Amino acid sequence: MNDIMLAPSLLSADFADLKSALSLVENNGGKVVHIDVMDGIFVPQISYGQPIVKSIRPLTKLPFDVHLMIEKPENHVESFAESGADWITFHHEACIHSHRLIQKIHSLGKKAGVSIVPSTPVSAITELLEYVDLVLVMTVNPGFGGQALIPSCVKKITELAEIRSKRNLDFKISVDGGVNSQTLGQVVEAGADIVVSGSSFFKGELCWEK
């Protein structure tokens, strides 16, 4: 499991003590901090924005993957880059000109990720795969923590891994939603490089050795 990156999601942390949450991430094998930004439109909930990202940036040297679960992400990537994001991941479903947005993220000196919800097939983003640094496969419908993994989504991980190998590409495959000690094996076996975990990580059920 040493070659699989654990990316704990702060969505399941104690918002009143994010400093301690980041220490927990560092001390339990986290390699990336996953930051879910939700606008109450693209997904039902509202989480946090640029001021929170900026305020916690000095608290850890781990990279921030800012997952924009918002409408019109192109209007916000610059401010999140300035706030301390290292990777900026947006939803293909929320953006008409995804390729242009990937270019913009790269022009800001950041890594670009594209995410798809359970109802979106891999075929919708095949034209983007040679340009992105990361593909985030949602294995639950985004917006709430603690949901059960949708088994049919796992095949998307395998499909992406096969395309990556066939086309000699180098993007990372990240998986977000319902990953716990019971489902971890199947997403890793399918080809995931990065595992996002919220509820299971902060409950102490899923962690890596440092």
N, C-alpha and C. Protein backbone atom coordinates (compact mmCIF):
# COMPACT_ATOMS: atom_id res chain seq x y z
N MET A 1 0.82 -1.21 0.00
CA MET A 1 0.00 0.00 0.00
C MET A 1 0.86 1.26 0.00
N ASN A 2 2.17 1.08 0.08
CA ASN A 2 3.06 2.24 0.18
C ASN A 2 3.02 3.12 -1.06
N ASP A 3 2.67 2.55 -2.22
CA ASP A 3 2.67 3.34 -3.45
C ASP A 3 1.32 4.00 -3.71
N ILE A 4 0.34 3.74 -2.85
CA ILE A 4 -0.97 4.38 -2.96
C ILE A 4 -1.01 5.58 -2.03
N MET A 5 -1.41 6.73 -2.56
CA MET A 5 -1.43 7.95 -1.77
C MET A 5 -2.77 8.11 -1.07
N LEU A 6 -2.72 8.35 0.22
CA LEU A 6 -3.92 8.62 1.01
C LEU A 6 -4.17 10.12 1.04
N ALA A 7 -5.40 10.52 0.70
CA ALA A 7 -5.76 11.94 0.66
C ALA A 7 -6.99 12.16 1.56
N PRO A 8 -6.78 12.37 2.85
CA PRO A 8 -7.91 12.61 3.74
C PRO A 8 -8.68 13.87 3.37
N SER A 9 -10.00 13.77 3.44
CA SER A 9 -10.86 14.90 3.10
C SER A 9 -11.24 15.67 4.35
N LEU A 10 -10.94 16.96 4.35
CA LEU A 10 -11.26 17.80 5.50
C LEU A 10 -12.76 18.01 5.69
N LEU A 11 -13.56 17.58 4.73
CA LEU A 11 -15.01 17.72 4.87
C LEU A 11 -15.52 16.98 6.10
N SER A 12 -14.80 15.93 6.51
CA SER A 12 -15.22 15.14 7.66
C SER A 12 -14.47 15.51 8.94
N ALA A 13 -13.65 16.54 8.86
CA ALA A 13 -12.88 16.97 10.04
C ALA A 13 -13.74 17.89 10.91
N ASP A 14 -13.22 18.18 12.10
CA ASP A 14 -13.85 19.14 13.00
C ASP A 14 -13.50 20.54 12.50
N PHE A 15 -14.47 21.26 11.95
CA PHE A 15 -14.20 22.57 11.37
C PHE A 15 -13.72 23.58 12.43
N ALA A 16 -14.00 23.29 13.69
CA ALA A 16 -13.57 24.19 14.75
C ALA A 16 -12.11 24.00 15.13
N ASP A 17 -11.49 22.94 14.59
CA ASP A 17 -10.10 22.66 14.93
C ASP A 17 -9.38 22.03 13.74
N LEU A 18 -9.29 22.77 12.67
CA LEU A 18 -8.65 22.24 11.46
C LEU A 18 -7.14 22.09 11.64
N LYS A 19 -6.56 22.83 12.56
CA LYS A 19 -5.14 22.67 12.83
C LYS A 19 -4.85 21.26 13.34
N SER A 20 -5.65 20.78 14.27
CA SER A 20 -5.49 19.42 14.78
C SER A 20 -5.79 18.39 13.70
N ALA A 21 -6.77 18.70 12.85
CA ALA A 21 -7.11 17.78 11.77
C ALA A 21 -5.94 17.60 10.82
N LEU A 22 -5.25 18.68 10.50
CA LEU A 22 -4.09 18.59 9.61
C LEU A 22 -2.95 17.82 10.27
N SER A 23 -2.77 17.98 11.55
CA SER A 23 -1.76 17.20 12.27
C SER A 23 -2.10 15.72 12.21
N LEU A 24 -3.40 15.40 12.35
CA LEU A 24 -3.85 14.02 12.26
C LEU A 24 -3.55 13.44 10.88
N VAL A 25 -3.78 14.24 9.86
CA VAL A 25 -3.47 13.81 8.49
C VAL A 25 -1.99 13.50 8.34
N GLU A 26 -1.15 14.41 8.82
CA GLU A 26 0.31 14.23 8.70
C GLU A 26 0.79 13.01 9.47
N ASN A 27 0.21 12.76 10.63
CA ASN A 27 0.70 11.70 11.52
C ASN A 27 0.11 10.33 11.22
N ASN A 28 -0.81 10.27 10.27
CA ASN A 28 -1.44 8.99 9.94
C ASN A 28 -1.35 8.66 8.46
N GLY A 29 -0.26 9.10 7.85
CA GLY A 29 0.06 8.66 6.50
C GLY A 29 -0.53 9.45 5.36
N GLY A 30 -1.21 10.56 5.65
CA GLY A 30 -1.76 11.37 4.57
C GLY A 30 -0.67 11.99 3.72
N LYS A 31 -0.82 11.93 2.43
CA LYS A 31 0.16 12.51 1.50
C LYS A 31 -0.39 13.73 0.76
N VAL A 32 -1.71 13.86 0.76
CA VAL A 32 -2.39 14.97 0.11
C VAL A 32 -3.56 15.37 1.00
N VAL A 33 -3.84 16.66 1.10
CA VAL A 33 -5.03 17.13 1.81
C VAL A 33 -6.11 17.42 0.77
N HIS A 34 -7.22 16.72 0.88
CA HIS A 34 -8.32 16.88 -0.07
C HIS A 34 -9.30 17.90 0.50
N ILE A 35 -9.54 18.96 -0.24
CA ILE A 35 -10.38 20.07 0.25
C ILE A 35 -11.60 20.20 -0.65
N ASP A 36 -12.76 19.82 -0.13
CA ASP A 36 -14.00 19.84 -0.90
C ASP A 36 -14.67 21.21 -0.79
N VAL A 37 -14.72 21.91 -1.90
CA VAL A 37 -15.38 23.22 -1.95
C VAL A 37 -16.75 23.04 -2.58
N MET A 38 -17.81 23.36 -1.83
CA MET A 38 -19.17 23.11 -2.29
C MET A 38 -19.98 24.40 -2.24
N ASP A 39 -20.79 24.62 -3.27
CA ASP A 39 -21.46 25.92 -3.42
C ASP A 39 -22.96 25.90 -3.15
N GLY A 40 -23.53 24.76 -2.83
CA GLY A 40 -24.96 24.69 -2.62
C GLY A 40 -25.78 24.72 -3.89
N ILE A 41 -25.11 24.69 -5.03
CA ILE A 41 -25.79 24.68 -6.33
C ILE A 41 -25.43 23.43 -7.11
N PHE A 42 -24.14 23.25 -7.38
CA PHE A 42 -23.71 22.02 -8.05
C PHE A 42 -23.96 20.81 -7.16
N VAL A 43 -23.78 21.00 -5.87
CA VAL A 43 -24.12 19.99 -4.86
C VAL A 43 -24.99 20.67 -3.79
N PRO A 44 -25.74 19.89 -3.02
CA PRO A 44 -26.70 20.51 -2.08
C PRO A 44 -26.07 21.31 -0.95
N GLN A 45 -24.92 20.90 -0.47
CA GLN A 45 -24.32 21.53 0.69
C GLN A 45 -23.43 22.71 0.33
N ILE A 46 -23.13 23.53 1.34
CA ILE A 46 -22.13 24.59 1.23
C ILE A 46 -21.04 24.29 2.25
N SER A 47 -19.79 24.34 1.83
CA SER A 47 -18.71 24.01 2.78
C SER A 47 -17.89 25.23 3.13
N TYR A 48 -16.79 25.45 2.43
CA TYR A 48 -15.90 26.57 2.74
C TYR A 48 -15.26 27.07 1.45
N GLY A 49 -14.57 28.20 1.56
CA GLY A 49 -14.00 28.80 0.36
C GLY A 49 -12.58 29.25 0.54
N GLN A 50 -12.20 30.24 -0.26
CA GLN A 50 -10.82 30.70 -0.32
C GLN A 50 -10.25 31.14 1.02
N PRO A 51 -10.99 31.88 1.87
CA PRO A 51 -10.40 32.31 3.14
C PRO A 51 -9.96 31.16 4.04
N ILE A 52 -10.72 30.06 4.03
CA ILE A 52 -10.33 28.90 4.84
C ILE A 52 -9.07 28.26 4.28
N VAL A 53 -9.03 28.08 2.96
CA VAL A 53 -7.84 27.49 2.34
C VAL A 53 -6.61 28.33 2.67
N LYS A 54 -6.74 29.63 2.54
CA LYS A 54 -5.62 30.53 2.82
C LYS A 54 -5.18 30.46 4.28
N SER A 55 -6.15 30.35 5.19
CA SER A 55 -5.82 30.36 6.62
C SER A 55 -5.14 29.09 7.08
N ILE A 56 -5.43 27.96 6.43
CA ILE A 56 -4.80 26.69 6.85
C ILE A 56 -3.55 26.37 6.05
N ARG A 57 -3.29 27.13 4.99
CA ARG A 57 -2.12 26.83 4.14
C ARG A 57 -0.80 26.83 4.93
N PRO A 58 -0.58 27.75 5.87
CA PRO A 58 0.70 27.74 6.61
C PRO A 58 0.84 26.58 7.60
N LEU A 59 -0.22 25.82 7.83
CA LEU A 59 -0.22 24.82 8.89
C LEU A 59 0.37 23.47 8.47
N THR A 60 0.61 23.27 7.17
CA THR A 60 1.16 22.01 6.70
C THR A 60 1.89 22.22 5.38
N LYS A 61 2.86 21.36 5.13
CA LYS A 61 3.58 21.40 3.85
C LYS A 61 2.99 20.41 2.85
N LEU A 62 1.99 19.64 3.27
CA LEU A 62 1.36 18.69 2.36
C LEU A 62 0.65 19.44 1.23
N PRO A 63 0.63 18.86 0.04
CA PRO A 63 -0.09 19.52 -1.06
C PRO A 63 -1.59 19.54 -0.83
N PHE A 64 -2.24 20.60 -1.29
CA PHE A 64 -3.69 20.74 -1.22
C PHE A 64 -4.28 20.41 -2.58
N ASP A 65 -5.19 19.43 -2.61
CA ASP A 65 -6.00 19.20 -3.80
C ASP A 65 -7.36 19.82 -3.54
N VAL A 66 -7.61 20.95 -4.15
CA VAL A 66 -8.87 21.67 -3.96
C VAL A 66 -9.87 21.15 -4.99
N HIS A 67 -10.88 20.47 -4.50
CA HIS A 67 -11.89 19.82 -5.34
C HIS A 67 -13.09 20.76 -5.45
N LEU A 68 -13.23 21.39 -6.59
CA LEU A 68 -14.26 22.39 -6.80
C LEU A 68 -15.57 21.73 -7.24
N MET A 69 -16.45 21.52 -6.29
CA MET A 69 -17.78 20.99 -6.58
C MET A 69 -18.73 22.19 -6.68
N ILE A 70 -18.46 23.00 -7.72
CA ILE A 70 -19.15 24.27 -7.86
C ILE A 70 -19.48 24.53 -9.33
N GLU A 71 -20.49 25.36 -9.54
CA GLU A 71 -20.80 25.83 -10.89
C GLU A 71 -19.76 26.88 -11.30
N LYS A 72 -19.54 26.98 -12.59
CA LYS A 72 -18.61 27.95 -13.17
C LYS A 72 -17.25 27.97 -12.45
N PRO A 73 -16.59 26.82 -12.38
CA PRO A 73 -15.28 26.78 -11.71
C PRO A 73 -14.25 27.69 -12.34
N GLU A 74 -14.43 28.00 -13.61
CA GLU A 74 -13.47 28.86 -14.30
C GLU A 74 -13.39 30.25 -13.67
N ASN A 75 -14.42 30.64 -12.94
CA ASN A 75 -14.42 31.96 -12.30
C ASN A 75 -13.64 31.99 -10.99
N HIS A 76 -13.20 30.83 -10.52
CA HIS A 76 -12.64 30.77 -9.18
C HIS A 76 -11.24 30.13 -9.08
N VAL A 77 -10.75 29.57 -10.16
CA VAL A 77 -9.47 28.85 -10.05
C VAL A 77 -8.32 29.80 -9.70
N GLU A 78 -8.36 31.00 -10.21
CA GLU A 78 -7.27 31.94 -9.93
C GLU A 78 -7.20 32.28 -8.44
N SER A 79 -8.34 32.54 -7.82
CA SER A 79 -8.36 32.89 -6.40
C SER A 79 -7.99 31.71 -5.52
N PHE A 80 -8.36 30.50 -5.93
CA PHE A 80 -7.96 29.33 -5.14
C PHE A 80 -6.46 29.05 -5.31
N ALA A 81 -5.93 29.33 -6.48
CA ALA A 81 -4.48 29.19 -6.68
C ALA A 81 -3.75 30.16 -5.76
N GLU A 82 -4.25 31.38 -5.69
CA GLU A 82 -3.63 32.40 -4.83
C GLU A 82 -3.77 32.05 -3.35
N SER A 83 -4.82 31.30 -3.01
CA SER A 83 -5.07 30.94 -1.61
C SER A 83 -4.21 29.78 -1.13
N GLY A 84 -3.57 29.06 -2.07
CA GLY A 84 -2.66 28.00 -1.64
C GLY A 84 -2.92 26.62 -2.21
N ALA A 85 -3.83 26.50 -3.18
CA ALA A 85 -4.06 25.20 -3.81
C ALA A 85 -2.82 24.78 -4.60
N ASP A 86 -2.54 23.49 -4.57
CA ASP A 86 -1.46 22.93 -5.39
C ASP A 86 -2.04 22.21 -6.60
N TRP A 87 -3.10 21.48 -6.37
CA TRP A 87 -3.87 20.83 -7.42
C TRP A 87 -5.26 21.45 -7.39
N ILE A 88 -5.82 21.73 -8.55
CA ILE A 88 -7.18 22.23 -8.64
C ILE A 88 -7.98 21.26 -9.51
N THR A 89 -8.97 20.65 -8.91
CA THR A 89 -9.79 19.65 -9.59
C THR A 89 -11.21 20.18 -9.76
N PHE A 90 -11.67 20.22 -10.98
CA PHE A 90 -13.01 20.72 -11.26
C PHE A 90 -13.86 19.61 -11.87
N HIS A 91 -15.16 19.82 -11.89
CA HIS A 91 -16.07 18.83 -12.47
C HIS A 91 -16.33 19.14 -13.93
N HIS A 92 -16.13 18.13 -14.75
CA HIS A 92 -16.41 18.26 -16.18
C HIS A 92 -17.86 18.66 -16.41
N GLU A 93 -18.77 18.18 -15.57
CA GLU A 93 -20.20 18.46 -15.73
C GLU A 93 -20.53 19.93 -15.48
N ALA A 94 -19.64 20.64 -14.79
CA ALA A 94 -19.90 22.03 -14.43
C ALA A 94 -19.21 23.02 -15.36
N CYS A 95 -18.55 22.53 -16.39
CA CYS A 95 -17.73 23.39 -17.23
C CYS A 95 -17.91 23.03 -18.70
N ILE A 96 -18.21 24.01 -19.51
CA ILE A 96 -18.37 23.77 -20.95
C ILE A 96 -16.99 23.64 -21.61
N HIS A 97 -16.08 24.54 -21.30
CA HIS A 97 -14.77 24.57 -21.95
C HIS A 97 -13.71 23.98 -21.02
N SER A 98 -13.78 22.68 -20.83
CA SER A 98 -12.88 22.03 -19.87
C SER A 98 -11.42 22.13 -20.29
N HIS A 99 -11.15 21.98 -21.57
CA HIS A 99 -9.76 22.05 -22.03
C HIS A 99 -9.16 23.42 -21.74
N ARG A 100 -9.93 24.46 -22.00
CA ARG A 100 -9.46 25.82 -21.73
C ARG A 100 -9.17 26.01 -20.24
N LEU A 101 -10.03 25.44 -19.39
CA LEU A 101 -9.83 25.58 -17.95
C LEU A 101 -8.58 24.84 -17.50
N ILE A 102 -8.32 23.69 -18.07
CA ILE A 102 -7.08 22.96 -17.76
C ILE A 102 -5.87 23.82 -18.12
N GLN A 103 -5.92 24.45 -19.28
CA GLN A 103 -4.83 25.34 -19.68
C GLN A 103 -4.65 26.49 -18.68
N LYS A 104 -5.77 27.04 -18.22
CA LYS A 104 -5.70 28.16 -17.28
C LYS A 104 -5.07 27.71 -15.97
N ILE A 105 -5.47 26.55 -15.47
CA ILE A 105 -4.90 26.03 -14.22
C ILE A 105 -3.40 25.84 -14.36
N HIS A 106 -2.98 25.27 -15.47
CA HIS A 106 -1.54 25.08 -15.71
C HIS A 106 -0.81 26.41 -15.82
N SER A 107 -1.46 27.41 -16.40
CA SER A 107 -0.82 28.72 -16.54
C SER A 107 -0.59 29.38 -15.19
N LEU A 108 -1.35 28.94 -14.18
CA LEU A 108 -1.19 29.45 -12.82
C LEU A 108 -0.12 28.67 -12.05
N GLY A 109 0.50 27.70 -12.72
CA GLY A 109 1.55 26.92 -12.09
C GLY A 109 1.03 25.80 -11.21
N LYS A 110 -0.23 25.39 -11.43
CA LYS A 110 -0.85 24.36 -10.61
C LYS A 110 -1.14 23.10 -11.44
N LYS A 111 -1.31 21.99 -10.74
CA LYS A 111 -1.71 20.76 -11.41
C LYS A 111 -3.22 20.77 -11.61
N ALA A 112 -3.65 20.24 -12.74
CA ALA A 112 -5.06 20.28 -13.11
C ALA A 112 -5.69 18.90 -13.01
N GLY A 113 -6.85 18.85 -12.35
CA GLY A 113 -7.59 17.61 -12.26
C GLY A 113 -9.01 17.79 -12.79
N VAL A 114 -9.56 16.71 -13.33
CA VAL A 114 -10.95 16.73 -13.77
C VAL A 114 -11.68 15.60 -13.05
N SER A 115 -12.90 15.89 -12.62
CA SER A 115 -13.68 14.90 -11.88
C SER A 115 -14.97 14.58 -12.62
N ILE A 116 -15.47 13.34 -12.42
CA ILE A 116 -16.74 12.93 -13.00
C ILE A 116 -17.61 12.31 -11.91
N VAL A 117 -18.91 12.62 -11.96
CA VAL A 117 -19.88 12.06 -11.01
C VAL A 117 -20.28 10.66 -11.48
N PRO A 118 -20.97 9.90 -10.63
CA PRO A 118 -21.31 8.52 -11.00
C PRO A 118 -22.06 8.36 -12.31
N SER A 119 -22.88 9.33 -12.70
CA SER A 119 -23.66 9.21 -13.93
C SER A 119 -22.90 9.59 -15.19
N THR A 120 -21.67 10.08 -15.04
CA THR A 120 -20.87 10.49 -16.20
C THR A 120 -19.90 9.39 -16.59
N PRO A 121 -19.92 8.94 -17.85
CA PRO A 121 -19.00 7.90 -18.28
C PRO A 121 -17.59 8.42 -18.54
N VAL A 122 -16.63 7.54 -18.51
CA VAL A 122 -15.25 7.91 -18.82
C VAL A 122 -15.15 8.48 -20.23
N SER A 123 -15.98 8.00 -21.13
CA SER A 123 -15.93 8.46 -22.52
C SER A 123 -16.13 9.96 -22.64
N ALA A 124 -16.77 10.59 -21.65
CA ALA A 124 -17.01 12.03 -21.70
C ALA A 124 -15.74 12.85 -21.57
N ILE A 125 -14.67 12.24 -21.03
CA ILE A 125 -13.44 13.01 -20.78
C ILE A 125 -12.22 12.44 -21.51
N THR A 126 -12.42 11.50 -22.41
CA THR A 126 -11.26 10.88 -23.07
C THR A 126 -10.41 11.89 -23.83
N GLU A 127 -11.02 12.94 -24.36
CA GLU A 127 -10.26 13.95 -25.11
C GLU A 127 -9.42 14.83 -24.20
N LEU A 128 -9.65 14.74 -22.88
CA LEU A 128 -8.91 15.57 -21.93
C LEU A 128 -7.75 14.84 -21.28
N LEU A 129 -7.70 13.54 -21.41
CA LEU A 129 -6.79 12.74 -20.59
C LEU A 129 -5.31 13.03 -20.84
N GLU A 130 -4.96 13.45 -22.03
CA GLU A 130 -3.54 13.73 -22.28
C GLU A 130 -3.11 15.07 -21.71
N TYR A 131 -4.06 15.86 -21.23
CA TYR A 131 -3.75 17.20 -20.72
C TYR A 131 -3.81 17.31 -19.20
N VAL A 132 -4.52 16.40 -18.54
CA VAL A 132 -4.72 16.52 -17.09
C VAL A 132 -3.63 15.80 -16.30
N ASP A 133 -3.49 16.23 -15.06
CA ASP A 133 -2.56 15.57 -14.14
C ASP A 133 -3.26 14.55 -13.26
N LEU A 134 -4.58 14.69 -13.16
CA LEU A 134 -5.34 13.83 -12.26
C LEU A 134 -6.76 13.68 -12.77
N VAL A 135 -7.31 12.47 -12.60
CA VAL A 135 -8.74 12.24 -12.84
C VAL A 135 -9.34 11.74 -11.53
N LEU A 136 -10.37 12.44 -11.07
CA LEU A 136 -11.04 12.07 -9.83
C LEU A 136 -12.35 11.38 -10.15
N VAL A 137 -12.43 10.11 -9.80
CA VAL A 137 -13.64 9.33 -10.02
C VAL A 137 -14.49 9.38 -8.75
N MET A 138 -15.66 9.98 -8.85
CA MET A 138 -16.58 10.00 -7.73
C MET A 138 -17.32 8.67 -7.67
N THR A 139 -17.21 7.99 -6.54
CA THR A 139 -17.88 6.70 -6.38
C THR A 139 -19.10 6.83 -5.47
N VAL A 140 -19.48 8.06 -5.18
CA VAL A 140 -20.77 8.40 -4.58
C VAL A 140 -21.25 9.66 -5.28
N ASN A 141 -22.52 9.99 -5.10
CA ASN A 141 -23.01 11.27 -5.61
C ASN A 141 -22.52 12.37 -4.69
N PRO A 142 -21.77 13.33 -5.21
CA PRO A 142 -21.08 14.30 -4.36
C PRO A 142 -22.03 15.21 -3.58
N GLY A 143 -21.54 15.64 -2.41
CA GLY A 143 -22.29 16.60 -1.63
C GLY A 143 -22.41 16.25 -0.16
N PHE A 144 -22.27 14.96 0.16
CA PHE A 144 -22.39 14.53 1.55
C PHE A 144 -21.33 13.49 1.86
N GLY A 145 -20.79 13.52 3.07
CA GLY A 145 -19.86 12.49 3.52
C GLY A 145 -20.61 11.29 4.06
N GLY A 146 -19.88 10.18 4.23
CA GLY A 146 -20.43 9.00 4.88
C GLY A 146 -21.32 8.13 4.01
N GLN A 147 -21.32 8.34 2.68
CA GLN A 147 -22.15 7.52 1.80
C GLN A 147 -21.46 6.21 1.45
N ALA A 148 -22.26 5.24 1.01
CA ALA A 148 -21.72 3.94 0.59
C ALA A 148 -21.25 4.02 -0.85
N LEU A 149 -20.12 3.38 -1.12
CA LEU A 149 -19.56 3.32 -2.47
C LEU A 149 -20.54 2.67 -3.44
N ILE A 150 -20.69 3.25 -4.62
CA ILE A 150 -21.52 2.68 -5.68
C ILE A 150 -20.66 1.70 -6.48
N PRO A 151 -20.90 0.39 -6.36
CA PRO A 151 -20.00 -0.61 -6.95
C PRO A 151 -19.77 -0.44 -8.45
N SER A 152 -20.78 -0.02 -9.20
CA SER A 152 -20.63 0.08 -10.65
C SER A 152 -19.62 1.14 -11.07
N CYS A 153 -19.29 2.06 -10.16
CA CYS A 153 -18.32 3.12 -10.49
C CYS A 153 -16.88 2.61 -10.53
N VAL A 154 -16.65 1.47 -9.89
CA VAL A 154 -15.27 0.96 -9.78
C VAL A 154 -14.71 0.62 -11.16
N LYS A 155 -15.58 0.17 -12.06
CA LYS A 155 -15.10 -0.19 -13.40
C LYS A 155 -14.52 1.01 -14.15
N LYS A 156 -14.92 2.22 -13.75
CA LYS A 156 -14.35 3.41 -14.39
C LYS A 156 -12.86 3.53 -14.07
N ILE A 157 -12.48 3.12 -12.87
CA ILE A 157 -11.06 3.16 -12.49
C ILE A 157 -10.27 2.25 -13.40
N THR A 158 -10.77 1.04 -13.60
CA THR A 158 -10.10 0.08 -14.48
C THR A 158 -10.03 0.61 -15.91
N GLU A 159 -11.12 1.20 -16.37
CA GLU A 159 -11.15 1.75 -17.73
C GLU A 159 -10.12 2.85 -17.90
N LEU A 160 -10.00 3.73 -16.92
CA LEU A 160 -9.02 4.80 -16.99
C LEU A 160 -7.60 4.26 -16.96
N ALA A 161 -7.36 3.25 -16.12
CA ALA A 161 -6.03 2.65 -16.04
C ALA A 161 -5.64 2.00 -17.37
N GLU A 162 -6.60 1.39 -18.02
CA GLU A 162 -6.32 0.75 -19.31
C GLU A 162 -6.03 1.79 -20.39
N ILE A 163 -6.80 2.87 -20.40
CA ILE A 163 -6.55 3.95 -21.37
C ILE A 163 -5.17 4.57 -21.13
N ARG A 164 -4.86 4.80 -19.88
CA ARG A 164 -3.57 5.40 -19.53
C ARG A 164 -2.41 4.54 -20.04
N SER A 165 -2.52 3.25 -19.84
CA SER A 165 -1.47 2.33 -20.29
C SER A 165 -1.39 2.28 -21.81
N LYS A 166 -2.54 2.17 -22.46
CA LYS A 166 -2.59 2.05 -23.92
C LYS A 166 -2.05 3.30 -24.61
N ARG A 167 -2.36 4.47 -24.04
CA ARG A 167 -1.95 5.73 -24.67
C ARG A 167 -0.66 6.30 -24.08
N ASN A 168 -0.07 5.57 -23.15
CA ASN A 168 1.18 5.97 -22.51
C ASN A 168 1.06 7.35 -21.87
N LEU A 169 0.01 7.52 -21.09
CA LEU A 169 -0.22 8.78 -20.39
C LEU A 169 0.23 8.64 -18.94
N ASP A 170 0.24 9.75 -18.20
CA ASP A 170 0.79 9.69 -16.84
C ASP A 170 -0.08 10.38 -15.79
N PHE A 171 -1.37 10.58 -16.06
CA PHE A 171 -2.25 11.18 -15.06
C PHE A 171 -2.47 10.21 -13.89
N LYS A 172 -2.73 10.79 -12.73
CA LYS A 172 -3.06 10.00 -11.55
C LYS A 172 -4.56 9.72 -11.53
N ILE A 173 -4.94 8.58 -10.98
CA ILE A 173 -6.34 8.23 -10.81
C ILE A 173 -6.67 8.31 -9.33
N SER A 174 -7.59 9.20 -9.00
CA SER A 174 -8.02 9.40 -7.62
C SER A 174 -9.46 8.91 -7.48
N VAL A 175 -9.79 8.39 -6.30
CA VAL A 175 -11.12 7.84 -6.06
C VAL A 175 -11.68 8.47 -4.78
N ASP A 176 -12.93 8.93 -4.87
CA ASP A 176 -13.53 9.66 -3.76
C ASP A 176 -14.96 9.19 -3.54
N GLY A 177 -15.22 8.64 -2.34
CA GLY A 177 -16.59 8.28 -1.99
C GLY A 177 -16.74 6.87 -1.48
N GLY A 178 -17.03 6.73 -0.20
CA GLY A 178 -17.31 5.42 0.35
C GLY A 178 -16.12 4.49 0.46
N VAL A 179 -14.91 5.06 0.45
CA VAL A 179 -13.72 4.21 0.57
C VAL A 179 -13.43 3.99 2.06
N ASN A 180 -13.48 2.74 2.47
CA ASN A 180 -13.20 2.36 3.85
C ASN A 180 -12.41 1.06 3.86
N SER A 181 -12.24 0.47 5.01
CA SER A 181 -11.42 -0.75 5.10
C SER A 181 -12.02 -1.90 4.30
N GLN A 182 -13.33 -1.87 4.08
CA GLN A 182 -13.98 -2.95 3.32
C GLN A 182 -13.88 -2.73 1.81
N THR A 183 -13.85 -1.49 1.37
CA THR A 183 -13.86 -1.20 -0.08
C THR A 183 -12.49 -0.80 -0.63
N LEU A 184 -11.54 -0.55 0.26
CA LEU A 184 -10.22 -0.10 -0.18
C LEU A 184 -9.59 -1.06 -1.18
N GLY A 185 -9.65 -2.34 -0.89
CA GLY A 185 -9.00 -3.34 -1.75
C GLY A 185 -9.49 -3.30 -3.17
N GLN A 186 -10.78 -3.14 -3.36
CA GLN A 186 -11.30 -3.20 -4.73
C GLN A 186 -10.92 -1.97 -5.55
N VAL A 187 -10.84 -0.79 -4.92
CA VAL A 187 -10.46 0.39 -5.71
C VAL A 187 -8.96 0.38 -6.02
N VAL A 188 -8.17 -0.14 -5.09
CA VAL A 188 -6.73 -0.26 -5.34
C VAL A 188 -6.47 -1.28 -6.44
N GLU A 189 -7.16 -2.42 -6.36
CA GLU A 189 -7.00 -3.46 -7.37
C GLU A 189 -7.43 -2.96 -8.75
N ALA A 190 -8.43 -2.08 -8.78
CA ALA A 190 -8.91 -1.54 -10.05
C ALA A 190 -7.91 -0.58 -10.69
N GLY A 191 -7.00 -0.01 -9.88
CA GLY A 191 -5.97 0.84 -10.45
C GLY A 191 -5.85 2.23 -9.86
N ALA A 192 -6.48 2.48 -8.72
CA ALA A 192 -6.40 3.81 -8.11
C ALA A 192 -5.00 4.12 -7.61
N ASP A 193 -4.57 5.36 -7.79
CA ASP A 193 -3.29 5.83 -7.28
C ASP A 193 -3.46 6.64 -6.00
N ILE A 194 -4.60 7.33 -5.91
CA ILE A 194 -4.90 8.20 -4.77
C ILE A 194 -6.27 7.82 -4.21
N VAL A 195 -6.32 7.65 -2.91
CA VAL A 195 -7.58 7.29 -2.25
C VAL A 195 -8.00 8.44 -1.34
N VAL A 196 -9.15 9.02 -1.63
CA VAL A 196 -9.71 10.07 -0.79
C VAL A 196 -10.59 9.40 0.27
N SER A 197 -10.37 9.78 1.52
CA SER A 197 -11.18 9.21 2.60
C SER A 197 -11.53 10.31 3.59
N GLY A 198 -12.80 10.43 3.90
CA GLY A 198 -13.25 11.42 4.85
C GLY A 198 -13.69 10.80 6.16
N SER A 199 -14.90 10.29 6.18
CA SER A 199 -15.47 9.73 7.40
C SER A 199 -14.61 8.62 7.98
N SER A 200 -14.18 7.69 7.13
CA SER A 200 -13.41 6.54 7.62
C SER A 200 -12.08 6.97 8.20
N PHE A 201 -11.44 7.96 7.57
CA PHE A 201 -10.15 8.41 8.09
C PHE A 201 -10.32 9.09 9.44
N PHE A 202 -11.23 10.02 9.54
CA PHE A 202 -11.35 10.79 10.77
C PHE A 202 -12.02 10.01 11.90
N LYS A 203 -12.61 8.87 11.58
CA LYS A 203 -13.11 7.97 12.62
C LYS A 203 -12.04 6.98 13.07
N GLY A 204 -10.89 7.04 12.40
CA GLY A 204 -9.79 6.15 12.77
C GLY A 204 -9.86 4.77 12.16
N GLU A 205 -10.75 4.58 11.17
CA GLU A 205 -10.91 3.27 10.58
C GLU A 205 -9.95 3.02 9.42
N LEU A 206 -9.42 4.09 8.84
CA LEU A 206 -8.55 3.95 7.67
C LEU A 206 -7.38 4.91 7.78
N CYS A 207 -6.19 4.35 7.83
CA CYS A 207 -4.99 5.20 7.86
C CYS A 207 -3.83 4.41 7.28
N TRP A 208 -2.78 5.09 6.93
CA TRP A 208 -1.58 4.50 6.37
C TRP A 208 -0.46 4.62 7.39
N GLU A 209 0.54 3.78 7.25
CA GLU A 209 1.76 4.01 8.03
C GLU A 209 2.51 5.16 7.41
N LYS A 210 3.18 5.94 8.24
CA LYS A 210 3.94 7.10 7.72
C LYS A 210 5.10 6.63 6.86
